[in-house]
């Protein structure tokens, strides 16, 4: 009679029955379906956001420029966008 170890898969042929452990008669072996392996998921590193001190004042609105000036303690006397940008630039040159 043949016996199979369900843990290791080893098959042996004996004349006497075997018991215990993981041994079962070869006809009694339950064929377990092979588990499906999930495909590996590629983990991409997060892209680094590089902040630079360079920004374009000309892309800001007049209100954004005024807020920027206030946050940076710059007093503005101009009301036109071009003049406001010039005043902010001069304040940072000092």
N, C-alpha and C. Protein backbone atom coordinates (compact mmCIF):
# COMPACT_ATOMS: atom_id res chain seq x y z
N UNK A 1 0.84 -1.16 0.00
CA UNK A 1 0.00 0.00 0.00
C UNK A 1 0.90 1.24 0.00
N UNK A 2 0.51 2.25 -0.77
CA UNK A 2 1.31 3.46 -0.86
C UNK A 2 0.70 4.52 0.06
N UNK A 3 1.62 5.28 0.68
CA UNK A 3 1.22 6.37 1.56
C UNK A 3 1.93 7.65 1.12
N UNK A 4 1.24 8.75 1.31
CA UNK A 4 1.81 10.03 0.91
C UNK A 4 1.80 10.97 2.11
N UNK A 5 2.91 11.67 2.27
CA UNK A 5 2.99 12.69 3.31
C UNK A 5 2.39 13.96 2.73
N UNK A 6 1.30 14.42 3.34
CA UNK A 6 0.59 15.59 2.80
C UNK A 6 1.37 16.88 2.98
N UNK A 7 2.34 16.87 3.88
CA UNK A 7 3.12 18.07 4.11
C UNK A 7 4.30 18.16 3.13
N UNK A 8 5.00 17.06 2.93
CA UNK A 8 6.20 17.08 2.10
C UNK A 8 5.97 16.53 0.70
N UNK A 9 4.91 15.72 0.52
CA UNK A 9 4.63 15.14 -0.79
C UNK A 9 5.37 13.83 -1.04
N UNK A 10 6.12 13.33 -0.05
CA UNK A 10 6.88 12.08 -0.20
C UNK A 10 5.91 10.90 -0.23
N UNK A 11 6.15 9.99 -1.16
CA UNK A 11 5.32 8.79 -1.30
C UNK A 11 6.19 7.58 -0.93
N UNK A 12 5.63 6.70 -0.06
CA UNK A 12 6.36 5.47 0.30
C UNK A 12 5.42 4.29 0.08
N UNK A 13 6.02 3.13 -0.15
CA UNK A 13 5.25 1.91 -0.38
C UNK A 13 5.56 0.96 0.77
N UNK A 14 4.54 0.62 1.58
CA UNK A 14 4.69 -0.26 2.73
C UNK A 14 3.68 -1.39 2.66
N UNK A 15 3.99 -2.48 3.33
CA UNK A 15 3.04 -3.58 3.40
C UNK A 15 2.12 -3.43 4.60
N UNK A 16 2.56 -2.70 5.61
CA UNK A 16 1.74 -2.47 6.80
C UNK A 16 1.20 -1.04 6.75
N UNK A 17 0.04 -0.83 7.35
CA UNK A 17 -0.51 0.52 7.37
C UNK A 17 0.33 1.44 8.25
N UNK A 18 0.33 2.69 7.93
CA UNK A 18 1.07 3.69 8.69
C UNK A 18 0.04 4.68 9.24
N UNK A 19 0.33 5.21 10.41
CA UNK A 19 -0.63 6.15 10.98
C UNK A 19 0.12 7.32 11.60
N UNK A 20 -0.62 8.38 11.84
CA UNK A 20 -0.05 9.53 12.52
C UNK A 20 0.58 10.52 11.57
N UNK A 21 0.87 11.65 12.13
CA UNK A 21 1.54 12.69 11.36
C UNK A 21 0.73 13.13 10.16
N UNK A 22 1.42 13.32 9.07
CA UNK A 22 0.80 13.81 7.85
C UNK A 22 0.64 12.72 6.80
N UNK A 23 0.70 11.44 7.23
CA UNK A 23 0.64 10.34 6.28
C UNK A 23 -0.80 9.91 6.05
N UNK A 24 -1.14 9.75 4.78
CA UNK A 24 -2.46 9.23 4.39
C UNK A 24 -2.26 8.22 3.26
N UNK A 25 -3.22 7.30 3.18
CA UNK A 25 -3.16 6.32 2.09
C UNK A 25 -3.28 7.09 0.78
N UNK A 26 -2.54 6.66 -0.22
CA UNK A 26 -2.46 7.39 -1.47
C UNK A 26 -3.83 7.62 -2.10
N UNK A 27 -4.74 6.71 -1.96
CA UNK A 27 -6.09 6.88 -2.51
C UNK A 27 -6.90 7.89 -1.72
N UNK A 28 -6.48 8.19 -0.50
CA UNK A 28 -7.23 9.11 0.36
C UNK A 28 -6.72 10.55 0.30
N UNK A 29 -5.69 10.76 -0.47
CA UNK A 29 -5.10 12.09 -0.52
C UNK A 29 -6.08 13.06 -1.16
N UNK A 30 -6.35 14.11 -0.43
CA UNK A 30 -7.21 15.14 -0.98
C UNK A 30 -6.34 16.08 -1.79
N UNK A 31 -6.67 16.18 -3.04
CA UNK A 31 -5.92 17.10 -3.89
C UNK A 31 -6.43 18.51 -3.63
N UNK A 32 -5.60 19.31 -3.04
CA UNK A 32 -5.97 20.70 -2.78
C UNK A 32 -5.55 21.52 -3.99
N UNK A 33 -6.44 22.39 -4.41
CA UNK A 33 -6.07 23.22 -5.56
C UNK A 33 -4.89 24.13 -5.19
N UNK A 34 -4.05 24.32 -6.16
CA UNK A 34 -2.91 25.20 -5.95
C UNK A 34 -3.42 26.61 -5.77
N UNK A 35 -3.00 27.27 -4.69
CA UNK A 35 -3.50 28.63 -4.48
C UNK A 35 -3.03 29.57 -5.60
N UNK A 36 -3.93 30.44 -5.97
CA UNK A 36 -3.59 31.40 -7.01
C UNK A 36 -2.68 32.46 -6.41
N UNK A 37 -1.65 32.75 -7.12
CA UNK A 37 -0.70 33.75 -6.66
C UNK A 37 -1.11 35.09 -7.24
N UNK A 38 -1.23 36.06 -6.35
CA UNK A 38 -1.59 37.39 -6.82
C UNK A 38 -0.39 37.99 -7.55
N UNK A 39 -0.64 38.69 -8.62
CA UNK A 39 0.48 39.32 -9.32
C UNK A 39 1.12 40.38 -8.42
N UNK A 40 2.42 40.50 -8.59
CA UNK A 40 3.13 41.49 -7.78
C UNK A 40 2.68 42.89 -8.18
N UNK A 41 2.50 43.71 -7.18
CA UNK A 41 2.11 45.08 -7.42
C UNK A 41 3.37 45.93 -7.36
N UNK A 42 3.57 46.69 -8.41
CA UNK A 42 4.74 47.55 -8.45
C UNK A 42 4.46 48.82 -7.67
N UNK A 43 5.28 49.06 -6.68
CA UNK A 43 5.11 50.25 -5.86
C UNK A 43 6.08 51.30 -6.39
N UNK A 44 5.50 52.37 -6.85
CA UNK A 44 6.31 53.44 -7.41
C UNK A 44 6.59 54.46 -6.31
N UNK A 45 7.82 54.90 -6.22
CA UNK A 45 8.10 55.92 -5.21
C UNK A 45 7.37 57.21 -5.54
N UNK A 46 6.98 57.88 -4.49
CA UNK A 46 6.28 59.14 -4.65
C UNK A 46 7.22 60.16 -5.28
N UNK A 47 6.68 60.86 -6.26
CA UNK A 47 7.51 61.86 -6.92
C UNK A 47 7.77 63.02 -5.96
N UNK A 48 9.01 63.42 -5.93
CA UNK A 48 9.38 64.51 -5.05
C UNK A 48 8.96 65.84 -5.66
N UNK A 49 8.35 66.65 -4.86
CA UNK A 49 7.98 67.98 -5.31
C UNK A 49 9.09 68.91 -4.85
N UNK A 50 9.72 69.51 -5.82
CA UNK A 50 10.82 70.41 -5.51
C UNK A 50 10.29 71.84 -5.52
N UNK A 51 10.38 72.46 -4.36
CA UNK A 51 9.95 73.84 -4.27
C UNK A 51 11.14 74.74 -4.52
N UNK A 52 10.93 75.70 -5.33
CA UNK A 52 12.01 76.65 -5.61
C UNK A 52 11.57 78.04 -5.16
N UNK A 53 12.55 78.88 -4.94
CA UNK A 53 12.24 80.24 -4.56
C UNK A 53 11.86 81.08 -5.78
N UNK A 54 12.08 80.53 -6.96
CA UNK A 54 11.75 81.26 -8.18
C UNK A 54 10.27 81.10 -8.47
N UNK A 55 9.60 82.21 -8.53
CA UNK A 55 8.20 82.18 -8.95
C UNK A 55 7.95 83.44 -9.75
N UNK A 56 6.92 83.37 -10.54
CA UNK A 56 6.64 84.45 -11.48
C UNK A 56 5.56 85.36 -10.91
N UNK A 57 5.96 86.56 -10.52
CA UNK A 57 5.00 87.52 -9.99
C UNK A 57 3.99 87.95 -11.05
N UNK A 58 4.40 87.88 -12.30
CA UNK A 58 3.51 88.34 -13.38
C UNK A 58 2.30 87.41 -13.55
N UNK A 59 2.39 86.20 -13.04
CA UNK A 59 1.28 85.26 -13.15
C UNK A 59 0.26 85.45 -12.03
N UNK A 60 0.61 86.28 -11.04
CA UNK A 60 -0.29 86.52 -9.91
C UNK A 60 -1.24 87.66 -10.25
N UNK A 61 -2.44 87.59 -9.64
CA UNK A 61 -3.40 88.68 -9.81
C UNK A 61 -3.00 89.84 -8.90
N UNK A 62 -3.63 90.98 -9.10
CA UNK A 62 -3.33 92.15 -8.27
C UNK A 62 -3.65 91.84 -6.80
N UNK A 63 -4.76 91.18 -6.55
CA UNK A 63 -5.13 90.82 -5.17
C UNK A 63 -4.10 89.87 -4.56
N UNK A 64 -3.62 88.89 -5.35
CA UNK A 64 -2.60 87.96 -4.85
C UNK A 64 -1.30 88.70 -4.57
N UNK A 65 -0.96 89.65 -5.41
CA UNK A 65 0.25 90.45 -5.20
C UNK A 65 0.15 91.28 -3.92
N UNK A 66 -1.02 91.88 -3.69
CA UNK A 66 -1.23 92.67 -2.48
C UNK A 66 -1.14 91.78 -1.24
N UNK A 67 -1.73 90.59 -1.30
CA UNK A 67 -1.66 89.66 -0.18
C UNK A 67 -0.22 89.23 0.06
N UNK A 68 0.50 88.96 -1.01
CA UNK A 68 1.90 88.56 -0.90
C UNK A 68 2.72 89.68 -0.25
N UNK A 69 2.45 90.91 -0.66
CA UNK A 69 3.18 92.06 -0.10
C UNK A 69 2.87 92.19 1.38
N UNK A 70 1.62 92.04 1.76
CA UNK A 70 1.23 92.14 3.17
C UNK A 70 1.90 91.06 4.01
N UNK A 71 1.92 89.82 3.49
CA UNK A 71 2.54 88.71 4.21
C UNK A 71 4.04 88.90 4.38
N UNK A 72 4.65 89.66 3.49
CA UNK A 72 6.09 89.88 3.55
C UNK A 72 6.46 91.29 4.05
N UNK A 73 5.49 91.93 4.69
CA UNK A 73 5.69 93.27 5.29
C UNK A 73 6.24 94.29 4.28
N UNK A 74 5.64 94.30 3.11
CA UNK A 74 6.02 95.27 2.08
C UNK A 74 4.87 96.25 1.92
N UNK A 75 5.16 97.52 2.11
CA UNK A 75 4.15 98.56 1.93
C UNK A 75 4.09 98.94 0.46
N UNK A 76 2.88 98.95 -0.06
CA UNK A 76 2.68 99.28 -1.47
C UNK A 76 2.04 100.66 -1.61
N UNK A 77 2.54 101.41 -2.56
CA UNK A 77 1.92 102.71 -2.88
C UNK A 77 1.30 102.66 -4.27
N UNK A 78 1.70 101.69 -5.06
CA UNK A 78 1.21 101.57 -6.43
C UNK A 78 -0.13 100.86 -6.47
N UNK A 79 -0.86 101.08 -7.54
CA UNK A 79 -2.15 100.42 -7.72
C UNK A 79 -2.18 99.57 -9.00
N UNK A 80 -1.25 99.84 -9.91
CA UNK A 80 -1.19 99.08 -11.16
C UNK A 80 -0.32 97.84 -10.94
N UNK A 81 -0.66 96.79 -11.63
CA UNK A 81 0.03 95.51 -11.46
C UNK A 81 1.52 95.64 -11.71
N UNK A 82 1.90 96.27 -12.79
CA UNK A 82 3.33 96.40 -13.14
C UNK A 82 4.08 97.16 -12.06
N UNK A 83 3.46 98.21 -11.52
CA UNK A 83 4.11 99.00 -10.48
C UNK A 83 4.21 98.22 -9.16
N UNK A 84 3.18 97.43 -8.85
CA UNK A 84 3.19 96.61 -7.64
C UNK A 84 4.32 95.58 -7.72
N UNK A 85 4.46 94.95 -8.89
CA UNK A 85 5.52 93.95 -9.09
C UNK A 85 6.88 94.61 -8.92
N UNK A 86 7.02 95.79 -9.45
CA UNK A 86 8.30 96.51 -9.33
C UNK A 86 8.62 96.81 -7.86
N UNK A 87 7.62 97.26 -7.09
CA UNK A 87 7.84 97.55 -5.68
C UNK A 87 8.22 96.30 -4.89
N UNK A 88 7.56 95.18 -5.19
CA UNK A 88 7.89 93.92 -4.51
C UNK A 88 9.30 93.49 -4.85
N UNK A 89 9.67 93.58 -6.12
CA UNK A 89 11.02 93.18 -6.55
C UNK A 89 12.08 94.04 -5.87
N UNK A 90 11.83 95.34 -5.77
CA UNK A 90 12.79 96.23 -5.11
C UNK A 90 12.92 95.90 -3.63
N UNK A 91 11.82 95.51 -3.01
CA UNK A 91 11.87 95.17 -1.58
C UNK A 91 12.73 93.94 -1.33
N UNK A 92 12.77 93.01 -2.25
CA UNK A 92 13.57 91.80 -2.09
C UNK A 92 15.03 92.01 -2.51
N UNK A 93 15.31 93.06 -3.24
CA UNK A 93 16.69 93.34 -3.64
C UNK A 93 17.51 93.88 -2.47
N UNK A 94 16.86 94.42 -1.48
CA UNK A 94 17.57 95.02 -0.35
C UNK A 94 18.18 93.99 0.54
